[in-house]
């Protein structure tokens, strides 16, 4: 995990997964992590991880983290997942004046390549996570 912040809650589901957790941060090792690498220059951090035997990483994070790694040419493969959630607000896709969308989930109906690296994902709205169709 990469974090510039502090105070990660040890009760988060992340900490119950059966995997080794390393923390890259400017601070010290925190509860729930197996190892710590000081956060600094990305090339230095990756060299330190390689020296400790880690040569492949899964990077889960926001646009700031992804942009930093992509800008330095440090990403060799991308695997993207899409979890459709309609977000409202002044910077979202749905107007804040739209009806309440809480309690709805989406079911994948179709996925197919369109060529040129583009993928079509077609979803249908459900009322519940169990997949019962909305009226």
N, C-alpha and C. Protein backbone atom coordinates (compact mmCIF):
# COMPACT_ATOMS: atom_id res chain seq x y z
N UNK A 1 0.85 -1.16 0.00
CA UNK A 1 0.00 0.00 0.00
C UNK A 1 0.90 1.23 0.00
N UNK A 2 0.48 2.23 -0.73
CA UNK A 2 1.18 3.51 -0.74
C UNK A 2 0.28 4.51 -0.05
N UNK A 3 0.83 5.24 0.91
CA UNK A 3 0.02 6.21 1.64
C UNK A 3 0.88 7.37 2.10
N UNK A 4 0.42 8.58 1.85
CA UNK A 4 1.06 9.77 2.41
C UNK A 4 0.39 10.12 3.74
N UNK A 5 -0.75 9.49 4.00
CA UNK A 5 -1.51 9.77 5.22
C UNK A 5 -1.12 8.83 6.34
N UNK A 6 -1.85 8.96 7.43
CA UNK A 6 -1.62 8.14 8.62
C UNK A 6 -2.95 7.67 9.16
N UNK A 7 -2.90 6.75 10.08
CA UNK A 7 -4.10 6.34 10.78
C UNK A 7 -4.99 5.38 10.01
N UNK A 8 -4.42 4.45 9.24
CA UNK A 8 -5.23 3.47 8.56
C UNK A 8 -5.87 2.55 9.61
N UNK A 9 -7.15 2.32 9.47
CA UNK A 9 -7.89 1.51 10.44
C UNK A 9 -7.55 0.04 10.30
N UNK A 10 -7.03 -0.63 11.33
CA UNK A 10 -6.70 -2.05 11.26
C UNK A 10 -7.91 -2.94 11.02
N UNK A 11 -9.13 -2.44 11.22
CA UNK A 11 -10.34 -3.23 11.01
C UNK A 11 -10.83 -3.25 9.58
N UNK A 12 -10.17 -2.55 8.66
CA UNK A 12 -10.60 -2.54 7.26
C UNK A 12 -10.47 -3.93 6.65
N UNK A 13 -11.36 -4.31 5.70
CA UNK A 13 -11.29 -5.63 5.05
C UNK A 13 -9.92 -5.90 4.43
N UNK A 14 -9.22 -4.87 4.00
CA UNK A 14 -7.88 -5.01 3.42
C UNK A 14 -6.97 -5.82 4.33
N UNK A 15 -7.10 -5.63 5.63
CA UNK A 15 -6.20 -6.27 6.58
C UNK A 15 -6.58 -7.72 6.90
N UNK A 16 -7.73 -8.18 6.42
CA UNK A 16 -8.12 -9.57 6.68
C UNK A 16 -7.84 -10.47 5.48
N UNK A 17 -7.33 -9.91 4.39
CA UNK A 17 -7.00 -10.72 3.21
C UNK A 17 -5.73 -11.52 3.48
N UNK A 18 -5.67 -12.76 2.93
CA UNK A 18 -4.50 -13.62 3.17
C UNK A 18 -3.33 -13.26 2.25
N UNK A 19 -2.71 -12.13 2.53
CA UNK A 19 -1.56 -11.70 1.74
C UNK A 19 -0.60 -10.92 2.60
N UNK A 20 0.60 -10.77 2.10
CA UNK A 20 1.61 -9.99 2.81
C UNK A 20 1.41 -8.52 2.45
N UNK A 21 1.39 -7.67 3.45
CA UNK A 21 1.13 -6.24 3.23
C UNK A 21 2.39 -5.42 3.52
N UNK A 22 2.80 -4.66 2.53
CA UNK A 22 3.93 -3.75 2.67
C UNK A 22 3.39 -2.34 2.56
N UNK A 23 3.98 -1.43 3.30
CA UNK A 23 3.56 -0.04 3.30
C UNK A 23 4.69 0.83 2.78
N UNK A 24 4.40 1.63 1.75
CA UNK A 24 5.31 2.67 1.28
C UNK A 24 4.73 3.98 1.80
N UNK A 25 5.43 4.63 2.70
CA UNK A 25 4.92 5.87 3.28
C UNK A 25 6.09 6.68 3.83
N UNK A 26 5.87 7.97 4.05
CA UNK A 26 6.94 8.79 4.64
C UNK A 26 7.14 8.50 6.12
N UNK A 27 6.19 7.83 6.76
CA UNK A 27 6.28 7.57 8.20
C UNK A 27 6.91 6.23 8.51
N UNK A 28 6.51 5.67 9.64
CA UNK A 28 7.03 4.41 10.14
C UNK A 28 6.08 3.26 9.81
N UNK A 29 6.52 2.04 10.08
CA UNK A 29 5.68 0.86 9.93
C UNK A 29 4.45 1.01 10.82
N UNK A 30 3.28 0.71 10.27
CA UNK A 30 2.04 0.81 11.03
C UNK A 30 1.48 -0.57 11.31
N UNK A 31 0.62 -0.64 12.31
CA UNK A 31 -0.03 -1.90 12.68
C UNK A 31 -0.75 -2.48 11.47
N UNK A 32 -0.63 -3.79 11.27
CA UNK A 32 -1.30 -4.47 10.17
C UNK A 32 -0.43 -4.68 8.95
N UNK A 33 0.76 -4.07 8.93
CA UNK A 33 1.67 -4.21 7.80
C UNK A 33 2.85 -5.09 8.19
N UNK A 34 3.36 -5.83 7.21
CA UNK A 34 4.48 -6.74 7.45
C UNK A 34 5.83 -6.06 7.23
N UNK A 35 5.86 -5.03 6.41
CA UNK A 35 7.13 -4.35 6.12
C UNK A 35 6.85 -2.90 5.73
N UNK A 36 7.89 -2.07 5.79
CA UNK A 36 7.78 -0.66 5.46
C UNK A 36 8.95 -0.25 4.57
N UNK A 37 8.65 0.53 3.54
CA UNK A 37 9.67 1.14 2.68
C UNK A 37 9.39 2.63 2.67
N UNK A 38 10.40 3.46 2.96
CA UNK A 38 10.18 4.91 2.95
C UNK A 38 9.75 5.40 1.57
N UNK A 39 8.73 6.22 1.53
CA UNK A 39 8.22 6.78 0.29
C UNK A 39 9.07 7.96 -0.12
N UNK A 40 9.60 7.90 -1.31
CA UNK A 40 10.42 8.98 -1.86
C UNK A 40 10.36 8.92 -3.37
N UNK A 41 11.49 9.03 -4.02
CA UNK A 41 11.57 8.90 -5.47
C UNK A 41 11.09 7.50 -5.87
N UNK A 42 10.23 7.42 -6.88
CA UNK A 42 9.66 6.13 -7.27
C UNK A 42 10.72 5.13 -7.69
N UNK A 43 11.71 5.57 -8.43
CA UNK A 43 12.75 4.63 -8.88
C UNK A 43 13.52 4.07 -7.68
N UNK A 44 13.79 4.90 -6.68
CA UNK A 44 14.47 4.45 -5.47
C UNK A 44 13.59 3.46 -4.70
N UNK A 45 12.30 3.76 -4.59
CA UNK A 45 11.37 2.86 -3.88
C UNK A 45 11.31 1.50 -4.57
N UNK A 46 11.20 1.51 -5.89
CA UNK A 46 11.11 0.24 -6.62
C UNK A 46 12.42 -0.53 -6.55
N UNK A 47 13.54 0.18 -6.54
CA UNK A 47 14.84 -0.49 -6.39
C UNK A 47 14.94 -1.14 -5.00
N UNK A 48 14.44 -0.45 -3.98
CA UNK A 48 14.44 -1.01 -2.63
C UNK A 48 13.55 -2.25 -2.56
N UNK A 49 12.39 -2.20 -3.18
CA UNK A 49 11.51 -3.36 -3.19
C UNK A 49 12.16 -4.53 -3.93
N UNK A 50 12.81 -4.25 -5.05
CA UNK A 50 13.50 -5.31 -5.80
C UNK A 50 14.63 -5.91 -4.97
N UNK A 51 15.35 -5.07 -4.23
CA UNK A 51 16.43 -5.57 -3.37
C UNK A 51 15.88 -6.49 -2.28
N UNK A 52 14.61 -6.29 -1.91
CA UNK A 52 13.97 -7.14 -0.90
C UNK A 52 13.24 -8.34 -1.52
N UNK A 53 13.40 -8.51 -2.84
CA UNK A 53 12.84 -9.68 -3.51
C UNK A 53 11.50 -9.49 -4.18
N UNK A 54 10.99 -8.27 -4.20
CA UNK A 54 9.70 -8.01 -4.88
C UNK A 54 9.97 -7.46 -6.28
N UNK A 55 9.50 -8.19 -7.28
CA UNK A 55 9.75 -7.77 -8.66
C UNK A 55 8.47 -7.49 -9.43
N UNK A 56 7.33 -7.90 -8.89
CA UNK A 56 6.03 -7.62 -9.51
C UNK A 56 5.13 -7.02 -8.45
N UNK A 57 4.46 -5.94 -8.80
CA UNK A 57 3.58 -5.26 -7.86
C UNK A 57 2.20 -5.12 -8.46
N UNK A 58 1.20 -5.20 -7.62
CA UNK A 58 -0.15 -4.81 -7.98
C UNK A 58 -0.37 -3.46 -7.34
N UNK A 59 -0.68 -2.48 -8.15
CA UNK A 59 -0.86 -1.12 -7.65
C UNK A 59 -2.34 -0.78 -7.72
N UNK A 60 -2.94 -0.60 -6.57
CA UNK A 60 -4.33 -0.19 -6.48
C UNK A 60 -4.35 1.20 -5.88
N UNK A 61 -4.93 2.12 -6.57
CA UNK A 61 -4.94 3.47 -6.02
C UNK A 61 -5.67 4.43 -6.93
N UNK A 62 -5.56 5.66 -6.60
CA UNK A 62 -6.24 6.71 -7.34
C UNK A 62 -5.42 7.23 -8.50
N UNK A 63 -5.94 8.27 -9.11
CA UNK A 63 -5.30 8.83 -10.30
C UNK A 63 -3.94 9.44 -10.00
N UNK A 64 -3.74 9.97 -8.80
CA UNK A 64 -2.45 10.56 -8.46
C UNK A 64 -1.34 9.53 -8.47
N UNK A 65 -1.60 8.38 -7.87
CA UNK A 65 -0.62 7.30 -7.83
C UNK A 65 -0.37 6.75 -9.23
N UNK A 66 -1.43 6.44 -9.95
CA UNK A 66 -1.28 5.90 -11.31
C UNK A 66 -0.55 6.89 -12.21
N UNK A 67 -0.91 8.16 -12.12
CA UNK A 67 -0.28 9.18 -12.97
C UNK A 67 1.21 9.31 -12.68
N UNK A 68 1.57 9.26 -11.40
CA UNK A 68 2.99 9.37 -11.04
C UNK A 68 3.80 8.21 -11.62
N UNK A 69 3.28 7.01 -11.53
CA UNK A 69 4.00 5.84 -12.05
C UNK A 69 4.03 5.83 -13.57
N UNK A 70 2.92 6.20 -14.21
CA UNK A 70 2.87 6.25 -15.68
C UNK A 70 3.79 7.34 -16.22
N UNK A 71 3.83 8.50 -15.56
CA UNK A 71 4.66 9.61 -16.02
C UNK A 71 6.14 9.26 -16.04
N UNK A 72 6.57 8.38 -15.13
CA UNK A 72 7.97 7.98 -15.08
C UNK A 72 8.25 6.72 -15.88
N UNK A 73 7.24 6.23 -16.60
CA UNK A 73 7.45 5.04 -17.43
C UNK A 73 7.68 3.77 -16.63
N UNK A 74 7.09 3.67 -15.45
CA UNK A 74 7.34 2.54 -14.55
C UNK A 74 6.25 1.47 -14.61
N UNK A 75 5.23 1.66 -15.43
CA UNK A 75 4.15 0.68 -15.55
C UNK A 75 4.36 -0.13 -16.81
N UNK A 76 4.35 -1.44 -16.66
CA UNK A 76 4.56 -2.34 -17.81
C UNK A 76 3.28 -3.00 -18.28
N UNK A 77 2.27 -3.06 -17.45
CA UNK A 77 1.02 -3.70 -17.82
C UNK A 77 -0.12 -3.04 -17.05
N UNK A 78 -1.27 -2.89 -17.72
CA UNK A 78 -2.45 -2.34 -17.07
C UNK A 78 -3.56 -3.39 -17.07
N UNK A 79 -4.19 -3.58 -15.95
CA UNK A 79 -5.39 -4.39 -15.85
C UNK A 79 -6.43 -3.51 -15.19
N UNK A 80 -7.47 -3.21 -15.91
CA UNK A 80 -8.48 -2.29 -15.41
C UNK A 80 -9.75 -3.05 -15.08
N UNK A 81 -10.36 -2.70 -13.97
CA UNK A 81 -11.67 -3.24 -13.63
C UNK A 81 -12.65 -2.09 -13.58
N UNK A 82 -13.87 -2.38 -13.93
CA UNK A 82 -14.92 -1.37 -13.93
C UNK A 82 -16.01 -1.84 -12.99
N UNK A 83 -16.33 -1.01 -12.03
CA UNK A 83 -17.43 -1.28 -11.10
C UNK A 83 -18.39 -0.11 -11.23
N UNK A 84 -19.44 -0.26 -12.03
CA UNK A 84 -20.31 0.89 -12.31
C UNK A 84 -21.02 1.40 -11.08
N UNK A 85 -20.82 2.66 -10.82
CA UNK A 85 -21.47 3.36 -9.72
C UNK A 85 -21.69 4.78 -10.22
N UNK A 86 -22.93 5.20 -10.24
CA UNK A 86 -23.22 6.54 -10.72
C UNK A 86 -23.02 7.53 -9.59
N UNK A 87 -22.12 8.46 -9.80
CA UNK A 87 -21.80 9.45 -8.79
C UNK A 87 -22.37 10.80 -9.21
N UNK A 88 -23.00 11.47 -8.29
CA UNK A 88 -23.55 12.78 -8.58
C UNK A 88 -22.68 13.88 -8.02
N UNK A 89 -23.14 15.09 -8.17
CA UNK A 89 -22.40 16.23 -7.65
C UNK A 89 -21.92 17.12 -8.77
N UNK A 90 -21.29 18.21 -8.41
CA UNK A 90 -20.89 19.20 -9.41
C UNK A 90 -19.81 18.69 -10.35
N UNK A 91 -19.03 17.68 -9.93
CA UNK A 91 -17.97 17.16 -10.79
C UNK A 91 -18.27 15.74 -11.25
N UNK A 92 -19.45 15.24 -10.99
CA UNK A 92 -19.80 13.87 -11.34
C UNK A 92 -20.50 13.79 -12.68
N UNK A 93 -20.86 12.58 -13.03
CA UNK A 93 -21.52 12.32 -14.29
C UNK A 93 -23.01 12.61 -14.20
N UNK A 94 -23.58 12.46 -13.01
CA UNK A 94 -25.01 12.66 -12.80
C UNK A 94 -25.22 13.95 -12.02
N UNK A 95 -26.19 14.73 -12.45
CA UNK A 95 -26.49 16.01 -11.81
C UNK A 95 -26.90 15.80 -10.35
N UNK A 96 -26.52 16.74 -9.46
CA UNK A 96 -26.98 16.63 -8.07
C UNK A 96 -28.50 16.77 -7.96
N UNK A 97 -29.17 17.21 -9.04
CA UNK A 97 -30.62 17.35 -9.04
C UNK A 97 -31.32 16.04 -9.43
N UNK A 98 -30.55 15.01 -9.82
CA UNK A 98 -31.13 13.73 -10.23
C UNK A 98 -31.73 13.02 -9.02
N UNK A 99 -32.66 12.08 -9.27
CA UNK A 99 -33.24 11.33 -8.15
C UNK A 99 -32.18 10.52 -7.41
N UNK A 100 -32.49 10.15 -6.18
CA UNK A 100 -31.57 9.35 -5.36
C UNK A 100 -31.28 8.01 -6.05
N UNK A 101 -30.00 7.69 -6.20
CA UNK A 101 -29.60 6.45 -6.87
C UNK A 101 -29.15 5.38 -5.88
N UNK A 102 -29.26 5.66 -4.59
CA UNK A 102 -28.81 4.69 -3.60
C UNK A 102 -29.67 3.44 -3.65
N UNK A 103 -29.08 2.31 -3.32
CA UNK A 103 -29.80 1.05 -3.31
C UNK A 103 -29.84 0.36 -4.66
N UNK A 104 -29.21 0.94 -5.67
CA UNK A 104 -29.19 0.33 -6.99
C UNK A 104 -27.81 -0.24 -7.28
N UNK A 105 -27.80 -1.30 -8.02
CA UNK A 105 -26.54 -1.86 -8.48
C UNK A 105 -26.69 -2.15 -9.97
N UNK A 106 -25.65 -2.67 -10.58
CA UNK A 106 -25.64 -2.86 -12.02
C UNK A 106 -25.18 -4.27 -12.34
N UNK A 107 -25.84 -4.90 -13.32
CA UNK A 107 -25.50 -6.25 -13.75
C UNK A 107 -24.90 -6.19 -15.15
N UNK A 108 -23.77 -6.84 -15.33
CA UNK A 108 -23.11 -6.88 -16.63
C UNK A 108 -23.91 -7.76 -17.57
N UNK A 109 -24.37 -7.21 -18.68
CA UNK A 109 -25.14 -7.95 -19.68
C UNK A 109 -24.27 -8.43 -20.83
N UNK A 110 -23.27 -7.63 -21.19
CA UNK A 110 -22.47 -7.95 -22.38
C UNK A 110 -21.10 -7.31 -22.25
N UNK A 111 -20.10 -7.99 -22.77
CA UNK A 111 -18.78 -7.41 -22.90
C UNK A 111 -18.17 -7.98 -24.18
N UNK A 112 -17.64 -7.08 -25.00
CA UNK A 112 -17.02 -7.54 -26.24
C UNK A 112 -16.03 -6.49 -26.75
N UNK A 113 -14.97 -6.99 -27.38
CA UNK A 113 -13.99 -6.06 -27.95
C UNK A 113 -14.57 -5.39 -29.20
N UNK A 114 -14.29 -4.11 -29.34
CA UNK A 114 -14.75 -3.36 -30.51
C UNK A 114 -13.62 -3.10 -31.50
N UNK A 115 -12.41 -3.52 -31.15
CA UNK A 115 -11.26 -3.28 -32.02
C UNK A 115 -10.52 -2.03 -31.58
N UNK A 116 -9.27 -1.96 -31.94
CA UNK A 116 -8.46 -0.79 -31.61
C UNK A 116 -8.26 -0.60 -30.11
N UNK A 117 -8.33 -1.69 -29.33
CA UNK A 117 -8.12 -1.61 -27.90
C UNK A 117 -9.33 -1.14 -27.11
N UNK A 118 -10.49 -1.01 -27.79
CA UNK A 118 -11.70 -0.54 -27.11
C UNK A 118 -12.58 -1.73 -26.74
N UNK A 119 -13.20 -1.65 -25.57
CA UNK A 119 -14.05 -2.71 -25.07
C UNK A 119 -15.42 -2.14 -24.73
N UNK A 120 -16.48 -2.80 -25.23
CA UNK A 120 -17.84 -2.40 -24.90
C UNK A 120 -18.28 -3.15 -23.66
N UNK A 121 -18.76 -2.43 -22.67
CA UNK A 121 -19.37 -3.01 -21.47
C UNK A 121 -20.80 -2.49 -21.42
N UNK A 122 -21.76 -3.41 -21.37
CA UNK A 122 -23.17 -3.02 -21.33
C UNK A 122 -23.77 -3.53 -20.03
N UNK A 123 -24.33 -2.61 -19.25
CA UNK A 123 -24.90 -2.92 -17.94
C UNK A 123 -26.38 -2.60 -17.91
N UNK A 124 -27.09 -3.27 -17.02
CA UNK A 124 -28.49 -2.98 -16.76
C UNK A 124 -28.65 -2.70 -15.27
N UNK A 125 -29.53 -1.76 -14.96
CA UNK A 125 -29.74 -1.36 -13.57
C UNK A 125 -30.58 -2.39 -12.83
N UNK A 126 -30.15 -2.70 -11.61
CA UNK A 126 -30.88 -3.59 -10.71
C UNK A 126 -31.23 -2.80 -9.46
N UNK A 127 -32.23 -3.27 -8.72
CA UNK A 127 -32.58 -2.57 -7.49
C UNK A 127 -31.75 -3.04 -6.32
N UNK A 128 -31.22 -4.26 -6.39
CA UNK A 128 -30.47 -4.80 -5.27
C UNK A 128 -29.19 -5.42 -5.76
N UNK A 129 -28.20 -5.58 -4.88
CA UNK A 129 -26.97 -6.24 -5.27
C UNK A 129 -27.18 -7.69 -5.67
N UNK A 130 -28.31 -8.32 -5.24
CA UNK A 130 -28.56 -9.71 -5.60
C UNK A 130 -28.97 -9.86 -7.06
N UNK A 131 -29.30 -8.76 -7.74
CA UNK A 131 -29.58 -8.82 -9.16
C UNK A 131 -31.04 -8.85 -9.54
N UNK A 132 -31.97 -8.58 -8.63
CA UNK A 132 -33.37 -8.51 -9.01
C UNK A 132 -33.60 -7.25 -9.83
N UNK A 133 -34.34 -7.37 -10.90
CA UNK A 133 -34.49 -6.26 -11.82
C UNK A 133 -35.35 -5.15 -11.22
N UNK A 134 -34.98 -3.94 -11.57
CA UNK A 134 -35.77 -2.78 -11.15
C UNK A 134 -37.07 -2.75 -11.93
N UNK A 135 -38.11 -2.19 -11.33
CA UNK A 135 -39.40 -2.07 -12.00
C UNK A 135 -39.38 -0.93 -12.97
